[in-house]
Amino acid sequence: MSDTAIEKRETVMGSLAARYQMEHDKLLATLKATCIKGNATNEQVQAFCIVANRYGLDPFLKEIHAFAGQGGSIVPIVGIDGWYKIANATGLLNGVAFEFYNTPGEESCTCTIYVKGREHPVTVTEYLSECYKNTPPWNQYKRRMLRHRAFIQCARMAFGFGGIYDPDEG
């Protein structure tokens, strides 16, 4: 690639800055202040932007945020709206079904995702006893949170999403 081509190539930060109609430095500061927990370096913010861009997620709509990890890493966290967005964006999502089970001592949610072009759907069951966190959302909306968790794990298997985490993992 020639030096001229390198100079003309748009950067991830540059494309995001243009999308939000912000100056590059202002976008960097805003992302650090609002979308990344911890003291993130400029490089960590850029890595976060690469992941957000890769999956087409908007950090300002809370579809994705991150934690600054140790050793220069970044931990991208995708909210449930982001998971649904990226599953739909594949163009392969052909339906989702949920079933709740409440056997003595164990509640579970099974998610089935139908993928266009596949003979068999992908099915994942998540168990409340394995997923439950003592947090306000889990305490108030156990079934909804269990449904979210089942969808996220099923979408990972159905579409091979990698390098992103759900809020409970983060």
C-alpha atoms as a PDB file:
ATOM      1  CA  MET A   1       0.000   0.000   0.000  1.00  0.00           C
ATOM      2  CA  SER A   2       1.396   3.405  -0.913  1.00  0.00           C
ATOM      3  CA  ASP A   3       1.877   6.201   1.600  1.00  0.00           C
ATOM      4  CA  THR A   4      -0.915   8.125  -0.125  1.00  0.00           C
ATOM      5  CA  ALA A   5      -3.325   5.189   0.263  1.00  0.00           C
ATOM      6  CA  ILE A   6      -2.412   4.879   3.945  1.00  0.00           C
ATOM      7  CA  GLU A   7      -3.036   8.607   4.470  1.00  0.00           C
ATOM      8  CA  LYS A   8      -6.447   8.380   2.737  1.00  0.00           C
ATOM      9  CA  ARG A   9      -7.554   5.230   4.565  1.00  0.00           C
ATOM     10  CA  GLU A  10     -10.237   5.999   7.118  1.00  0.00           C
ATOM     11  CA  THR A  11      -9.543   4.951  10.681  1.00  0.00           C
ATOM     12  CA  VAL A  12     -12.103   3.383  12.983  1.00  0.00           C
ATOM     13  CA  MET A  13     -11.955   6.403  15.289  1.00  0.00           C
ATOM     14  CA  GLY A  14     -12.196   8.715  12.296  1.00  0.00           C
ATOM     15  CA  SER A  15     -15.278   6.948  10.925  1.00  0.00           C
ATOM     16  CA  LEU A  16     -16.943   6.981  14.363  1.00  0.00           C
ATOM     17  CA  ALA A  17     -16.089  10.646  14.845  1.00  0.00           C
ATOM     18  CA  ALA A  18     -17.650  11.413  11.461  1.00  0.00           C
ATOM     19  CA  ARG A  19     -20.719   9.292  12.271  1.00  0.00           C
ATOM     20  CA  TYR A  20     -21.307  11.211  15.509  1.00  0.00           C
ATOM     21  CA  GLN A  21     -20.203  14.512  13.943  1.00  0.00           C
ATOM     22  CA  MET A  22     -17.561  14.975  16.621  1.00  0.00           C
ATOM     23  CA  GLU A  23     -13.911  15.857  16.628  1.00  0.00           C
ATOM     24  CA  HIS A  24     -11.640  12.841  17.114  1.00  0.00           C
ATOM     25  CA  ASP A  25     -10.251  14.048  20.476  1.00  0.00           C
ATOM     26  CA  LYS A  26     -13.718  14.930  21.796  1.00  0.00           C
ATOM     27  CA  LEU A  27     -15.032  11.474  20.832  1.00  0.00           C
ATOM     28  CA  LEU A  28     -12.086   9.804  22.566  1.00  0.00           C
ATOM     29  CA  ALA A  29     -12.707  11.776  25.772  1.00  0.00           C
ATOM     30  CA  THR A  30     -16.473  11.131  25.633  1.00  0.00           C
ATOM     31  CA  LEU A  31     -15.998   7.378  25.184  1.00  0.00           C
ATOM     32  CA  LYS A  32     -13.569   7.273  28.106  1.00  0.00           C
ATOM     33  CA  ALA A  33     -15.979   9.221  30.305  1.00  0.00           C
ATOM     34  CA  THR A  34     -19.192   7.400  29.423  1.00  0.00           C
ATOM     35  CA  CYS A  35     -18.651   3.972  27.848  1.00  0.00           C
ATOM     36  CA  ILE A  36     -15.538   2.472  29.425  1.00  0.00           C
ATOM     37  CA  LYS A  37     -15.172   1.772  33.130  1.00  0.00           C
ATOM     38  CA  GLY A  38     -11.702   2.183  34.565  1.00  0.00           C
ATOM     39  CA  ASN A  39      -8.777   4.238  33.382  1.00  0.00           C
ATOM     40  CA  ALA A  40      -8.619   3.302  29.727  1.00  0.00           C
ATOM     41  CA  THR A  41      -5.682   4.172  27.553  1.00  0.00           C
ATOM     42  CA  ASN A  42      -6.195   5.614  24.084  1.00  0.00           C
ATOM     43  CA  GLU A  43      -5.205   2.212  22.682  1.00  0.00           C
ATOM     44  CA  GLN A  44      -7.848   0.448  24.800  1.00  0.00           C
ATOM     45  CA  VAL A  45     -10.494   2.886  23.553  1.00  0.00           C
ATOM     46  CA  GLN A  46      -9.418   2.225  19.983  1.00  0.00           C
ATOM     47  CA  ALA A  47      -9.634  -1.538  20.565  1.00  0.00           C
ATOM     48  CA  PHE A  48     -13.125  -1.012  22.002  1.00  0.00           C
ATOM     49  CA  CYS A  49     -14.096   0.997  18.908  1.00  0.00           C
ATOM     50  CA  ILE A  50     -12.814  -1.779  16.652  1.00  0.00           C
ATOM     51  CA  VAL A  51     -15.083  -4.295  18.408  1.00  0.00           C
ATOM     52  CA  ALA A  52     -18.081  -1.921  18.395  1.00  0.00           C
ATOM     53  CA  ASN A  53     -17.497  -1.231  14.699  1.00  0.00           C
ATOM     54  CA  ARG A  54     -17.021  -4.934  13.877  1.00  0.00           C
ATOM     55  CA  TYR A  55     -20.445  -5.764  15.306  1.00  0.00           C
ATOM     56  CA  GLY A  56     -22.148  -2.494  14.303  1.00  0.00           C
ATOM     57  CA  LEU A  57     -22.972  -1.582  17.893  1.00  0.00           C
ATOM     58  CA  ASP A  58     -23.557   1.918  19.236  1.00  0.00           C
ATOM     59  CA  PRO A  59     -21.902   2.616  22.599  1.00  0.00           C
ATOM     60  CA  PHE A  60     -24.049   5.696  23.190  1.00  0.00           C
ATOM     61  CA  LEU A  61     -27.249   3.635  22.916  1.00  0.00           C
ATOM     62  CA  LYS A  62     -25.813   1.247  25.540  1.00  0.00           C
ATOM     63  CA  GLU A  63     -25.580  -1.582  23.036  1.00  0.00           C
ATOM     64  CA  ILE A  64     -21.936  -2.031  24.054  1.00  0.00           C
ATOM     65  CA  HIS A  65     -19.651  -0.749  26.804  1.00  0.00           C
ATOM     66  CA  ALA A  66     -16.370  -1.980  28.241  1.00  0.00           C
ATOM     67  CA  PHE A  67     -14.046  -2.396  31.165  1.00  0.00           C
ATOM     68  CA  ALA A  68     -10.398  -1.485  30.915  1.00  0.00           C
ATOM     69  CA  GLY A  69      -8.661  -4.766  31.719  1.00  0.00           C
ATOM     70  CA  GLN A  70      -5.236  -5.489  33.089  1.00  0.00           C
ATOM     71  CA  GLY A  71      -2.228  -5.569  30.847  1.00  0.00           C
ATOM     72  CA  GLY A  72      -3.783  -3.284  28.248  1.00  0.00           C
ATOM     73  CA  SER A  73      -6.768  -5.496  27.465  1.00  0.00           C
ATOM     74  CA  ILE A  74     -10.331  -4.345  27.009  1.00  0.00           C
ATOM     75  CA  VAL A  75     -13.433  -6.351  27.995  1.00  0.00           C
ATOM     76  CA  PRO A  76     -16.316  -5.480  25.636  1.00  0.00           C
ATOM     77  CA  ILE A  77     -19.737  -5.997  27.258  1.00  0.00           C
ATOM     78  CA  VAL A  78     -22.794  -6.234  25.009  1.00  0.00           C
ATOM     79  CA  GLY A  79     -26.236  -5.528  26.432  1.00  0.00           C
ATOM     80  CA  ILE A  80     -29.258  -7.594  25.417  1.00  0.00           C
ATOM     81  CA  ASP A  81     -30.346  -5.023  22.817  1.00  0.00           C
ATOM     82  CA  GLY A  82     -26.906  -5.332  21.237  1.00  0.00           C
ATOM     83  CA  TRP A  83     -27.130  -9.138  21.148  1.00  0.00           C
ATOM     84  CA  TYR A  84     -30.501  -8.985  19.387  1.00  0.00           C
ATOM     85  CA  LYS A  85     -29.168  -6.367  16.981  1.00  0.00           C
ATOM     86  CA  ILE A  86     -26.147  -8.420  15.927  1.00  0.00           C
ATOM     87  CA  ALA A  87     -28.187 -11.614  15.636  1.00  0.00           C
ATOM     88  CA  ASN A  88     -30.671  -9.830  13.355  1.00  0.00           C
ATOM     89  CA  ALA A  89     -27.849  -8.189  11.401  1.00  0.00           C
ATOM     90  CA  THR A  90     -26.510 -11.583  10.307  1.00  0.00           C
ATOM     91  CA  GLY A  91     -29.493 -11.898   7.991  1.00  0.00           C
ATOM     92  CA  LEU A  92     -29.646 -15.550   9.053  1.00  0.00           C
ATOM     93  CA  LEU A  93     -31.981 -15.285  12.041  1.00  0.00           C
ATOM     94  CA  ASN A  94     -35.178 -17.109  11.137  1.00  0.00           C
ATOM     95  CA  GLY A  95     -36.941 -17.053  14.481  1.00  0.00           C
ATOM     96  CA  VAL A  96     -36.476 -17.485  18.208  1.00  0.00           C
ATOM     97  CA  ALA A  97     -38.525 -19.503  20.678  1.00  0.00           C
ATOM     98  CA  PHE A  98     -38.330 -19.684  24.468  1.00  0.00           C
ATOM     99  CA  GLU A  99     -39.661 -22.266  26.886  1.00  0.00           C
ATOM    100  CA  PHE A 100     -39.579 -21.994  30.662  1.00  0.00           C
ATOM    101  CA  TYR A 101     -39.461 -25.031  32.892  1.00  0.00           C
ATOM    102  CA  ASN A 102     -40.018 -25.128  36.611  1.00  0.00           C
ATOM    103  CA  THR A 103     -39.142 -28.522  37.989  1.00  0.00           C
ATOM    104  CA  PRO A 104     -38.874 -28.966  41.764  1.00  0.00           C
ATOM    105  CA  GLY A 105     -35.859 -26.987  42.909  1.00  0.00           C
ATOM    106  CA  GLU A 106     -34.796 -25.823  39.438  1.00  0.00           C
ATOM    107  CA  GLU A 107     -36.071 -23.217  37.018  1.00  0.00           C
ATOM    108  CA  SER A 108     -34.676 -23.070  33.506  1.00  0.00           C
ATOM    109  CA  CYS A 109     -35.192 -21.365  30.180  1.00  0.00           C
ATOM    110  CA  THR A 110     -34.552 -23.002  26.831  1.00  0.00           C
ATOM    111  CA  CYS A 111     -33.879 -20.820  23.812  1.00  0.00           C
ATOM    112  CA  THR A 112     -34.173 -22.176  20.299  1.00  0.00           C
ATOM    113  CA  ILE A 113     -32.812 -20.159  17.395  1.00  0.00           C
ATOM    114  CA  TYR A 114     -33.782 -21.041  13.852  1.00  0.00           C
ATOM    115  CA  VAL A 115     -31.035 -20.216  11.367  1.00  0.00           C
ATOM    116  CA  LYS A 116     -31.783 -19.802   7.667  1.00  0.00           C
ATOM    117  CA  GLY A 117     -30.160 -22.546   5.619  1.00  0.00           C
ATOM    118  CA  ARG A 118     -29.678 -24.960   8.524  1.00  0.00           C
ATOM    119  CA  GLU A 119     -31.603 -28.176   8.809  1.00  0.00           C
ATOM    120  CA  HIS A 120     -31.692 -28.150  12.625  1.00  0.00           C
ATOM    121  CA  PRO A 121     -32.182 -25.253  15.043  1.00  0.00           C
ATOM    122  CA  VAL A 122     -29.706 -24.388  17.797  1.00  0.00           C
ATOM    123  CA  THR A 123     -31.047 -24.966  21.317  1.00  0.00           C
ATOM    124  CA  VAL A 124     -29.529 -23.925  24.644  1.00  0.00           C
ATOM    125  CA  THR A 125     -30.916 -24.324  28.163  1.00  0.00           C
ATOM    126  CA  GLU A 126     -29.792 -22.060  30.983  1.00  0.00           C
ATOM    127  CA  TYR A 127     -30.516 -22.822  34.641  1.00  0.00           C
ATOM    128  CA  LEU A 128     -31.420 -20.218  37.219  1.00  0.00           C
ATOM    129  CA  SER A 129     -29.197 -21.874  39.822  1.00  0.00           C
ATOM    130  CA  GLU A 130     -26.175 -21.405  37.548  1.00  0.00           C
ATOM    131  CA  CYS A 131     -26.961 -17.911  36.257  1.00  0.00           C
ATOM    132  CA  TYR A 132     -28.556 -16.050  39.139  1.00  0.00           C
ATOM    133  CA  LYS A 133     -26.697 -13.034  40.513  1.00  0.00           C
ATOM    134  CA  ASN A 134     -27.772 -11.159  43.613  1.00  0.00           C
ATOM    135  CA  THR A 135     -28.252  -7.879  41.733  1.00  0.00           C
ATOM    136  CA  PRO A 136     -31.309  -5.627  41.400  1.00  0.00           C
ATOM    137  CA  PRO A 137     -32.201  -6.779  37.843  1.00  0.00           C
ATOM    138  CA  TRP A 138     -31.931 -10.462  38.762  1.00  0.00           C
ATOM    139  CA  ASN A 139     -33.871  -9.941  41.998  1.00  0.00           C
ATOM    140  CA  GLN A 140     -36.682  -8.056  40.273  1.00  0.00           C
ATOM    141  CA  TYR A 141     -36.845  -9.818  36.885  1.00  0.00           C
ATOM    142  CA  LYS A 142     -35.532 -13.376  37.288  1.00  0.00           C
ATOM    143  CA  ARG A 143     -37.381 -14.868  34.319  1.00  0.00           C
ATOM    144  CA  ARG A 144     -36.497 -11.998  31.983  1.00  0.00           C
ATOM    145  CA  MET A 145     -32.836 -12.179  32.983  1.00  0.00           C
ATOM    146  CA  LEU A 146     -32.829 -15.957  32.525  1.00  0.00           C
ATOM    147  CA  ARG A 147     -34.406 -15.511  29.088  1.00  0.00           C
ATOM    148  CA  HIS A 148     -31.727 -12.952  28.164  1.00  0.00           C
ATOM    149  CA  ARG A 149     -28.983 -15.294  29.307  1.00  0.00           C
ATOM    150  CA  ALA A 150     -30.428 -18.212  27.312  1.00  0.00           C
ATOM    151  CA  PHE A 151     -30.686 -16.064  24.174  1.00  0.00           C
ATOM    152  CA  ILE A 152     -27.120 -14.783  24.485  1.00  0.00           C
ATOM    153  CA  GLN A 153     -25.637 -18.257  24.880  1.00  0.00           C
ATOM    154  CA  CYS A 154     -27.763 -19.638  22.050  1.00  0.00           C
ATOM    155  CA  ALA A 155     -26.839 -16.742  19.728  1.00  0.00           C
ATOM    156  CA  ARG A 156     -23.156 -17.383  20.415  1.00  0.00           C
ATOM    157  CA  MET A 157     -23.556 -20.972  19.336  1.00  0.00           C
ATOM    158  CA  ALA A 158     -25.805 -20.222  16.377  1.00  0.00           C
ATOM    159  CA  PHE A 159     -23.712 -17.430  14.881  1.00  0.00           C
ATOM    160  CA  GLY A 160     -20.223 -17.865  16.340  1.00  0.00           C
ATOM    161  CA  PHE A 161     -20.006 -14.475  18.025  1.00  0.00           C
ATOM    162  CA  GLY A 162     -16.668 -14.105  19.758  1.00  0.00           C
ATOM    163  CA  GLY A 163     -14.637 -11.557  21.694  1.00  0.00           C
ATOM    164  CA  ILE A 164     -17.705 -10.045  23.362  1.00  0.00           C
ATOM    165  CA  TYR A 165     -19.272 -10.805  26.715  1.00  0.00           C
ATOM    166  CA  ASP A 166     -22.652 -10.546  28.344  1.00  0.00           C
ATOM    167  CA  PRO A 167     -23.122  -8.218  31.331  1.00  0.00           C
ATOM    168  CA  ASP A 168     -22.967 -11.050  33.878  1.00  0.00           C
ATOM    169  CA  GLU A 169     -19.641 -12.284  32.528  1.00  0.00           C
ATOM    170  CA  GLY A 170     -18.143  -8.816  32.674  1.00  0.00           C
END
